[in-house]
Amino acid sequence: MAEASTWARRFAVLQAGARMHYAVPTLLARSKSLAAFYTDLHSSHWPLQAMKALLPLRLQPKPLRRLLGRQLPADLPRQLVRDQPFASLTGAHRGGSSDSQVLKRACRERFAGANALYTNFINNDLEAVQRAKELGLHVVHELIIGADVGRILQEERRRFPGIEPDGEKEVVVEDGIARDRQKWALSDQVLVPSEYCRQSTIALGCDPAKISVVPYGIPEHWFDLKPDPQPGRILFVGQVGLRKGNHVLAESCRLLQSRGVAFECHVAGPPQVDLSLPLFEGPTYLGQVPRSQVREEFRRADVFVLPTLAEGMALVHLEAMACGVPVITTPHCGSVVRDGVDGFIVPIRDAQALAERIHQLLEDRTLRERMGAAARQRAQEFTWKSYGERLLNVLF
């Protein structure tokens, strides 16, 4: 198969789960450029929809609730979706990988006759990329998190032993990086959501000429919320663990308490660690909360904090900005925050710097209001519509 001209590209998309509400396959379907969408499992099958209708939300176990949330958009044609519900469910039950079923089927079907491939799997799709290149497909790989995340997590777990499972051994992490390098070498385009991801990818050996930065976006309905900030209310949203820097946030809270600063810090998200440990003492942990409650937390936040050690581009910081909340984060957030304009950028692992910036915003109400207004205006540049335009401009 000859290399496809840009105007004639028809993509097979490989993706596990409902990443960004199936944005990529849906955008390609709208542009009449989707040949097939290969995924593991979605909830638009009628038995699951019947279960959703019959079983009240309060009776749905969390795994089922997450699965039922994987509903395909109305404008993603069902005849182009190739999932494997039985293999995905039984594979998960047996401890196997549903990802391999997705990739094997795509290869077996020769990518549904597509002449281009879009994949955002993390690491285990190298063989599928190799097969696509053998067939002459134009290959686009999307990097969804900083390329150095494995090394960063290993380092943090060594600094705080016993807090999280050891995870992958060093040889496994380095093998993953080697596979990434092979995949980047084979790919015609490598898409990243942020400058942080771009720099980490280049540092690990990707050809800069292949890389395009395509920032994500958020749905426009976020701008419909009416901000009602409560002075002194600090907010974090996301999984709670070492990668997100929750131990750094907790230390900052303890520093602020020692200074007599009046504040309350809400942490909304599922814990990946034992929150009773002294390392995490300081904030109020809400656990995993309904999306409606999360929106209310954003609306009433005074300052949003995300001291993450590694991201791709965290959508939660955009959601906070859309609600007029200034953001304090790190260079590894993949953030669109302009330091000193919409919020502050502090070094990773620096609880002292984080505490100082939080204190500054809590004390200086004029600065807080100015940054909140700038954040809301800045977020309007990063909507779903603008994301779709950026993505399609890069692909075609």
Protein backbone atom coordinates (compact mmCIF):
# COMPACT_ATOMS: atom_id res chain seq x y z
CA MET A 1 0.00 0.00 0.00
CA ALA A 2 1.44 3.37 -1.00
CA GLU A 3 1.76 6.19 1.54
CA ALA A 4 -1.59 7.97 1.72
CA SER A 5 -1.83 11.58 0.65
CA THR A 6 -3.06 13.77 3.49
CA TRP A 7 -6.40 14.59 1.90
CA ALA A 8 -7.22 10.91 1.37
CA ARG A 9 -6.26 9.54 4.79
CA ARG A 10 -8.71 7.17 6.46
CA PHE A 11 -7.73 6.21 9.97
CA ALA A 12 -8.01 3.11 12.08
CA VAL A 13 -8.00 4.33 15.70
CA LEU A 14 -6.66 2.10 18.48
CA GLN A 15 -7.76 3.16 21.96
CA ALA A 16 -8.68 1.45 25.22
CA GLY A 17 -11.46 2.97 27.28
CA ALA A 18 -13.46 6.17 26.83
CA ARG A 19 -10.49 8.50 26.72
CA MET A 20 -11.74 12.11 26.51
CA HIS A 21 -15.22 10.77 25.79
CA TYR A 22 -14.05 9.17 22.53
CA ALA A 23 -12.99 12.54 21.11
CA VAL A 24 -10.47 11.30 18.52
CA PRO A 25 -12.61 8.67 16.72
CA THR A 26 -15.62 11.00 16.87
CA LEU A 27 -13.72 13.91 15.31
CA LEU A 28 -12.39 11.65 12.56
CA ALA A 29 -15.88 10.23 11.93
CA ARG A 30 -17.29 13.74 11.55
CA SER A 31 -14.62 14.53 8.98
CA LYS A 32 -15.42 11.28 7.08
CA SER A 33 -11.89 10.04 7.82
CA LEU A 34 -12.58 7.11 10.16
CA ALA A 35 -12.24 3.60 8.73
CA ALA A 36 -12.64 1.80 12.07
CA PHE A 37 -12.40 2.36 15.81
CA TYR A 38 -10.84 -0.54 17.73
CA THR A 39 -11.49 -0.50 21.47
CA ASP A 40 -12.03 -2.88 24.36
CA LEU A 41 -15.54 -2.34 25.68
CA HIS A 42 -18.22 0.35 25.65
CA SER A 43 -21.62 0.59 27.30
CA SER A 44 -23.76 1.34 24.24
CA HIS A 45 -24.67 -2.35 23.86
CA TRP A 46 -28.36 -2.82 24.64
CA PRO A 47 -27.91 -5.24 27.61
CA LEU A 48 -25.76 -2.68 29.42
CA GLN A 49 -28.14 0.14 28.59
CA ALA A 50 -31.02 -1.97 29.92
CA MET A 51 -29.06 -2.60 33.10
CA LYS A 52 -28.42 1.13 33.45
CA ALA A 53 -32.14 1.85 33.10
CA LEU A 54 -33.26 -0.86 35.53
CA LEU A 55 -30.62 -0.55 38.24
CA PRO A 56 -30.73 2.66 40.33
CA LEU A 57 -27.43 4.54 40.55
CA ARG A 58 -27.12 3.89 44.28
CA LEU A 59 -27.21 0.13 43.67
CA GLN A 60 -24.60 0.11 40.93
CA PRO A 61 -21.17 -1.13 42.08
CA LYS A 62 -18.36 1.28 41.23
CA PRO A 63 -16.84 -0.93 38.48
CA LEU A 64 -20.25 -1.20 36.81
CA ARG A 65 -20.82 2.54 37.18
CA ARG A 66 -17.49 3.25 35.46
CA LEU A 67 -18.34 0.82 32.67
CA LEU A 68 -21.80 2.32 32.15
CA GLY A 69 -20.12 5.71 31.75
CA ARG A 70 -18.41 4.47 28.59
CA GLN A 71 -21.24 5.50 26.29
CA LEU A 72 -20.40 6.21 22.66
CA PRO A 73 -21.24 9.68 21.29
CA ALA A 74 -24.32 9.79 19.08
CA ASP A 75 -22.29 10.88 16.05
CA LEU A 76 -19.78 8.02 16.26
CA PRO A 77 -21.25 5.47 13.79
CA ARG A 78 -21.73 2.10 15.51
CA GLN A 79 -20.84 0.18 12.34
CA LEU A 80 -17.31 1.60 12.56
CA VAL A 81 -16.80 0.53 16.19
CA ARG A 82 -15.06 -2.80 16.71
CA ASP A 83 -14.96 -3.69 20.38
CA GLN A 84 -14.71 -7.09 22.04
CA PRO A 85 -16.96 -7.07 25.11
CA PHE A 86 -16.77 -10.79 25.90
CA ALA A 87 -12.99 -11.02 25.52
CA SER A 88 -12.52 -7.81 27.51
CA LEU A 89 -14.72 -8.93 30.40
CA THR A 90 -13.40 -12.50 30.58
CA GLY A 91 -9.80 -11.35 30.09
CA ALA A 92 -10.11 -8.92 32.99
CA HIS A 93 -11.71 -11.64 35.11
CA ARG A 94 -8.81 -13.98 34.41
CA GLY A 95 -6.22 -11.32 35.06
CA GLY A 96 -5.38 -11.00 31.38
CA SER A 97 -5.10 -7.89 29.23
CA SER A 98 -8.02 -6.65 27.17
CA ASP A 99 -5.56 -4.37 25.35
CA SER A 100 -3.99 -7.33 23.58
CA GLN A 101 -7.38 -8.36 22.21
CA VAL A 102 -7.87 -4.90 20.71
CA LEU A 103 -4.44 -4.90 19.08
CA LYS A 104 -4.62 -8.49 17.81
CA ARG A 105 -7.97 -7.91 16.16
CA ALA A 106 -6.80 -4.73 14.45
CA CYS A 107 -3.75 -6.53 13.04
CA ARG A 108 -5.77 -9.58 12.04
CA GLU A 109 -8.24 -7.40 10.13
CA ARG A 110 -5.43 -5.41 8.52
CA PHE A 111 -6.78 -2.28 10.20
CA ALA A 112 -10.10 -2.51 8.33
CA GLY A 113 -8.45 -1.41 5.10
CA ALA A 114 -7.38 1.95 6.53
CA ASN A 115 -4.38 3.72 5.07
CA ALA A 116 -3.50 5.51 8.34
CA LEU A 117 -3.25 4.48 11.98
CA TYR A 118 -3.87 6.56 15.11
CA THR A 119 -2.87 4.94 18.39
CA ASN A 120 -2.64 6.27 21.94
CA PHE A 121 -1.79 3.06 23.75
CA ILE A 122 1.03 3.39 26.28
CA ASN A 123 3.77 0.98 25.30
CA ASN A 124 2.15 -2.33 24.32
CA ASP A 125 1.17 -1.39 20.76
CA LEU A 126 4.66 -1.62 19.23
CA GLU A 127 3.82 -4.80 17.32
CA ALA A 128 0.67 -3.18 15.90
CA VAL A 129 2.68 -0.16 14.76
CA GLN A 130 5.24 -2.48 13.15
CA ARG A 131 2.45 -4.33 11.32
CA ALA A 132 0.91 -1.05 10.16
CA LYS A 133 4.23 0.08 8.70
CA GLU A 134 4.59 -3.27 6.90
CA LEU A 135 1.24 -2.56 5.28
CA GLY A 136 2.32 0.96 4.31
CA LEU A 137 0.07 2.89 6.68
CA HIS A 138 0.79 6.44 7.82
CA VAL A 139 1.27 6.07 11.59
CA VAL A 140 0.33 8.68 14.19
CA HIS A 141 1.18 7.98 17.82
CA GLU A 142 -0.30 10.16 20.56
CA LEU A 143 1.70 10.40 23.79
CA ILE A 144 -0.78 10.91 26.63
CA ILE A 145 1.65 11.37 29.54
CA GLY A 146 5.21 12.55 30.01
CA ALA A 147 7.66 10.06 28.53
CA ASP A 148 9.71 10.03 31.74
CA VAL A 149 6.80 9.13 34.05
CA GLY A 150 8.18 5.66 34.81
CA ARG A 151 11.51 7.01 36.01
CA ILE A 152 9.86 9.77 38.04
CA LEU A 153 7.54 7.32 39.81
CA GLN A 154 10.40 4.96 40.59
CA GLU A 155 12.40 7.80 42.08
CA GLU A 156 9.48 9.00 44.22
CA ARG A 157 8.74 5.51 45.51
CA ARG A 158 12.38 5.16 46.52
CA ARG A 159 12.12 8.48 48.40
CA PHE A 160 8.98 7.29 50.19
CA PRO A 161 9.26 3.50 50.50
CA GLY A 162 6.18 1.54 51.46
CA ILE A 163 3.70 4.29 50.53
CA GLU A 164 2.77 2.73 47.19
CA PRO A 165 3.46 -0.68 45.66
CA ASP A 166 6.93 -0.86 44.16
CA GLY A 167 5.37 -1.13 40.72
CA GLU A 168 7.53 -1.94 37.74
CA LYS A 169 11.18 -2.84 38.27
CA GLU A 170 13.83 -0.61 36.76
CA VAL A 171 14.56 -3.07 33.97
CA VAL A 172 10.86 -3.04 33.00
CA VAL A 173 10.75 0.77 32.95
CA GLU A 174 13.86 0.96 30.80
CA ASP A 175 12.50 -1.72 28.48
CA GLY A 176 9.35 0.37 28.10
CA ILE A 177 11.41 3.42 27.17
CA ALA A 178 13.32 1.34 24.61
CA ARG A 179 10.01 0.21 23.08
CA ASP A 180 8.83 3.81 23.01
CA ARG A 181 11.96 4.80 21.09
CA GLN A 182 11.26 2.05 18.55
CA LYS A 183 7.67 3.23 18.20
CA TRP A 184 8.70 6.86 17.75
CA ALA A 185 11.21 5.83 15.09
CA LEU A 186 8.49 3.97 13.17
CA SER A 187 5.83 6.65 13.54
CA ASP A 188 5.36 9.35 10.94
CA GLN A 189 3.90 11.75 13.51
CA VAL A 190 4.09 11.92 17.29
CA LEU A 191 1.43 14.06 18.96
CA VAL A 192 1.89 15.44 22.47
CA PRO A 193 -0.53 17.61 24.49
CA SER A 194 2.02 19.93 26.10
CA GLU A 195 5.49 21.41 25.96
CA TYR A 196 6.47 19.29 28.98
CA CYS A 197 5.61 16.14 27.03
CA ARG A 198 7.47 17.46 24.01
CA GLN A 199 10.64 18.10 25.99
CA SER A 200 10.52 14.76 27.84
CA THR A 201 10.02 12.92 24.55
CA ILE A 202 12.94 14.67 22.88
CA ALA A 203 15.13 14.00 25.93
CA LEU A 204 14.47 10.28 25.52
CA GLY A 205 15.35 10.20 21.85
CA CYS A 206 12.38 11.18 19.68
CA ASP A 207 13.09 13.15 16.51
CA PRO A 208 11.81 16.70 17.22
CA ALA A 209 10.74 17.08 13.58
CA LYS A 210 8.05 14.40 14.10
CA ILE A 211 6.48 16.03 17.13
CA SER A 212 3.40 18.26 17.11
CA VAL A 213 1.94 19.85 20.24
CA VAL A 214 -1.86 19.56 20.28
CA PRO A 215 -3.29 20.85 23.59
CA TYR A 216 -6.50 19.27 24.85
CA GLY A 217 -9.75 21.12 25.48
CA ILE A 218 -12.79 21.02 27.76
CA PRO A 219 -16.51 21.10 26.93
CA GLU A 220 -17.97 24.57 26.58
CA HIS A 221 -20.54 23.91 29.31
CA TRP A 222 -17.82 24.51 31.92
CA PHE A 223 -18.13 28.22 31.18
CA ASP A 224 -21.81 28.15 32.18
CA LEU A 225 -20.97 27.65 35.86
CA LYS A 226 -21.33 30.73 38.06
CA PRO A 227 -18.24 31.09 40.27
CA ASP A 228 -18.91 31.59 43.96
CA PRO A 229 -15.41 31.41 45.51
CA GLN A 230 -15.22 30.89 49.24
CA PRO A 231 -12.21 32.81 50.64
CA GLY A 232 -9.58 30.40 51.92
CA ARG A 233 -10.96 27.34 50.07
CA ILE A 234 -8.12 25.38 48.41
CA LEU A 235 -9.07 22.61 45.99
CA PHE A 236 -7.34 19.57 44.49
CA VAL A 237 -9.15 17.17 42.12
CA GLY A 238 -7.75 13.86 40.90
CA GLN A 239 -6.38 10.51 42.01
CA VAL A 240 -4.62 10.85 45.35
CA GLY A 241 -1.07 9.52 45.41
CA LEU A 242 2.61 10.21 44.95
CA ARG A 243 2.49 11.01 41.21
CA LYS A 244 -0.05 13.75 41.79
CA GLY A 245 2.08 15.28 44.55
CA ASN A 246 -0.50 14.91 47.30
CA HIS A 247 2.25 14.43 49.89
CA VAL A 248 3.67 17.79 48.76
CA LEU A 249 0.27 19.44 49.10
CA ALA A 250 -0.18 17.94 52.57
CA GLU A 251 3.19 19.28 53.69
CA SER A 252 2.24 22.72 52.36
CA CYS A 253 -0.98 22.61 54.36
CA ARG A 254 0.97 21.80 57.51
CA LEU A 255 3.33 24.71 56.80
CA LEU A 256 0.37 27.07 56.39
CA GLN A 257 -1.20 25.78 59.61
CA SER A 258 2.05 26.41 61.49
CA ARG A 259 1.94 30.02 60.29
CA GLY A 260 -1.62 30.49 61.51
CA VAL A 261 -3.07 30.93 58.01
CA ALA A 262 -6.86 30.49 57.86
CA PHE A 263 -7.82 28.05 55.09
CA GLU A 264 -9.49 24.75 54.29
CA CYS A 265 -8.14 22.34 51.67
CA HIS A 266 -10.51 19.94 49.93
CA VAL A 267 -9.08 16.94 48.07
CA ALA A 268 -11.62 15.26 45.78
CA GLY A 269 -10.66 11.96 44.20
CA PRO A 270 -10.08 8.26 44.80
CA PRO A 271 -7.13 7.49 47.09
CA GLN A 272 -4.29 5.30 45.84
CA VAL A 273 -2.54 5.48 49.23
CA ASP A 274 -3.29 5.13 52.93
CA LEU A 275 -4.50 8.62 53.86
CA SER A 276 -4.15 7.92 57.57
CA LEU A 277 -0.35 8.10 57.22
CA PRO A 278 1.30 11.23 58.66
CA LEU A 279 2.71 12.00 55.21
CA PHE A 280 -0.78 12.96 54.00
CA GLU A 281 -2.00 14.80 57.09
CA GLY A 282 -3.38 18.30 56.48
CA PRO A 283 -6.15 18.42 53.83
CA THR A 284 -9.74 17.21 54.13
CA TYR A 285 -10.15 14.15 51.89
CA LEU A 286 -13.56 13.84 50.26
CA GLY A 287 -12.87 10.61 48.40
CA GLN A 288 -14.40 9.96 44.99
CA VAL A 289 -17.41 12.22 44.61
CA PRO A 290 -20.15 12.51 41.94
CA ARG A 291 -19.34 14.72 38.99
CA SER A 292 -22.07 17.17 40.00
CA GLN A 293 -20.40 17.64 43.38
CA VAL A 294 -17.01 18.09 41.72
CA ARG A 295 -18.44 20.95 39.66
CA GLU A 296 -19.72 22.52 42.86
CA GLU A 297 -16.26 22.19 44.41
CA PHE A 298 -14.75 24.00 41.41
CA ARG A 299 -17.40 26.71 41.59
CA ARG A 300 -16.68 27.44 45.25
CA ALA A 301 -12.88 27.13 45.15
CA ASP A 302 -10.67 30.11 45.91
CA VAL A 303 -7.43 28.55 44.65
CA PHE A 304 -6.81 25.35 42.69
CA VAL A 305 -3.61 23.41 43.39
CA LEU A 306 -2.07 20.54 41.39
CA PRO A 307 1.52 19.83 42.51
CA THR A 308 1.88 16.91 40.09
CA LEU A 309 5.14 15.17 39.27
CA ALA A 310 4.09 13.93 35.82
CA GLU A 311 1.09 14.48 33.53
CA GLY A 312 0.29 14.83 29.86
CA MET A 313 -2.02 17.81 30.12
CA ALA A 314 -4.25 17.77 33.18
CA LEU A 315 -7.81 18.70 32.19
CA VAL A 316 -8.73 19.48 35.81
CA HIS A 317 -6.59 22.60 35.79
CA LEU A 318 -8.45 23.81 32.68
CA GLU A 319 -11.78 23.13 34.40
CA ALA A 320 -10.66 25.22 37.37
CA MET A 321 -9.57 28.06 35.08
CA ALA A 322 -12.92 27.96 33.27
CA CYS A 323 -14.53 28.55 36.68
CA GLY A 324 -12.37 31.62 37.24
CA VAL A 325 -10.06 29.93 39.75
CA PRO A 326 -6.32 30.77 39.68
CA VAL A 327 -4.13 27.67 39.45
CA ILE A 328 -0.89 26.78 41.21
CA THR A 329 0.85 23.85 39.55
CA THR A 330 4.23 22.55 38.36
CA PRO A 331 6.07 22.56 35.01
CA HIS A 332 5.14 18.85 34.71
CA CYS A 333 1.39 19.50 34.64
CA GLY A 334 1.31 20.19 30.91
CA SER A 335 -0.35 23.39 31.99
CA VAL A 336 -1.44 26.42 29.98
CA VAL A 337 -1.06 28.56 33.10
CA ARG A 338 1.09 31.64 32.52
CA ASP A 339 3.22 32.11 35.62
CA GLY A 340 2.20 35.32 37.37
CA VAL A 341 -0.80 35.88 35.06
CA ASP A 342 -3.34 33.05 35.54
CA GLY A 343 -1.65 31.55 38.58
CA PHE A 344 1.80 30.30 39.53
CA ILE A 345 4.20 27.58 38.42
CA VAL A 346 6.28 26.10 41.25
CA PRO A 347 8.99 23.40 41.10
CA ILE A 348 7.99 19.79 41.62
CA ARG A 349 8.44 18.46 45.18
CA ASP A 350 8.76 21.99 46.61
CA ALA A 351 6.26 22.26 49.48
CA GLN A 352 7.78 25.53 50.69
CA ALA A 353 7.29 27.29 47.34
CA LEU A 354 3.79 25.86 47.04
CA ALA A 355 2.83 27.10 50.51
CA GLU A 356 4.19 30.59 49.79
CA ARG A 357 2.18 30.93 46.57
CA ILE A 358 -1.00 29.65 48.20
CA HIS A 359 -0.53 32.12 51.06
CA GLN A 360 0.06 34.95 48.59
CA LEU A 361 -3.20 34.32 46.75
CA LEU A 362 -5.21 33.86 49.93
CA GLU A 363 -3.90 37.13 51.38
CA ASP A 364 -3.88 39.36 48.28
CA ARG A 365 -7.53 39.46 47.18
CA THR A 366 -6.86 41.93 44.36
CA LEU A 367 -4.23 39.59 42.90
CA ARG A 368 -6.55 36.61 43.34
CA GLU A 369 -9.41 38.32 41.49
CA ARG A 370 -7.14 39.51 38.69
CA MET A 371 -5.65 36.04 38.20
CA GLY A 372 -9.06 34.37 38.37
CA ALA A 373 -10.40 36.61 35.59
CA ALA A 374 -7.29 36.00 33.48
CA ALA A 375 -7.59 32.24 34.04
CA ARG A 376 -11.20 32.18 32.83
CA GLN A 377 -10.28 34.14 29.71
CA ARG A 378 -7.25 31.91 29.05
CA ALA A 379 -9.34 28.74 29.35
CA GLN A 380 -11.60 29.92 26.52
CA GLU A 381 -8.70 29.22 24.15
CA PHE A 382 -8.83 25.52 25.09
CA THR A 383 -12.34 24.24 24.38
CA TRP A 384 -13.44 21.01 22.69
CA LYS A 385 -13.98 22.97 19.49
CA SER A 386 -10.49 24.42 19.48
CA TYR A 387 -9.00 20.99 20.30
CA GLY A 388 -10.79 19.44 17.32
CA GLU A 389 -9.56 22.17 14.99
CA ARG A 390 -5.97 21.79 16.19
CA LEU A 391 -6.04 18.02 15.88
CA LEU A 392 -7.46 17.93 12.38
CA ASN A 393 -5.06 20.64 11.21
CA VAL A 394 -2.14 18.47 12.33
CA LEU A 395 -3.50 15.24 10.85
CA PHE A 396 -4.43 16.59 7.41
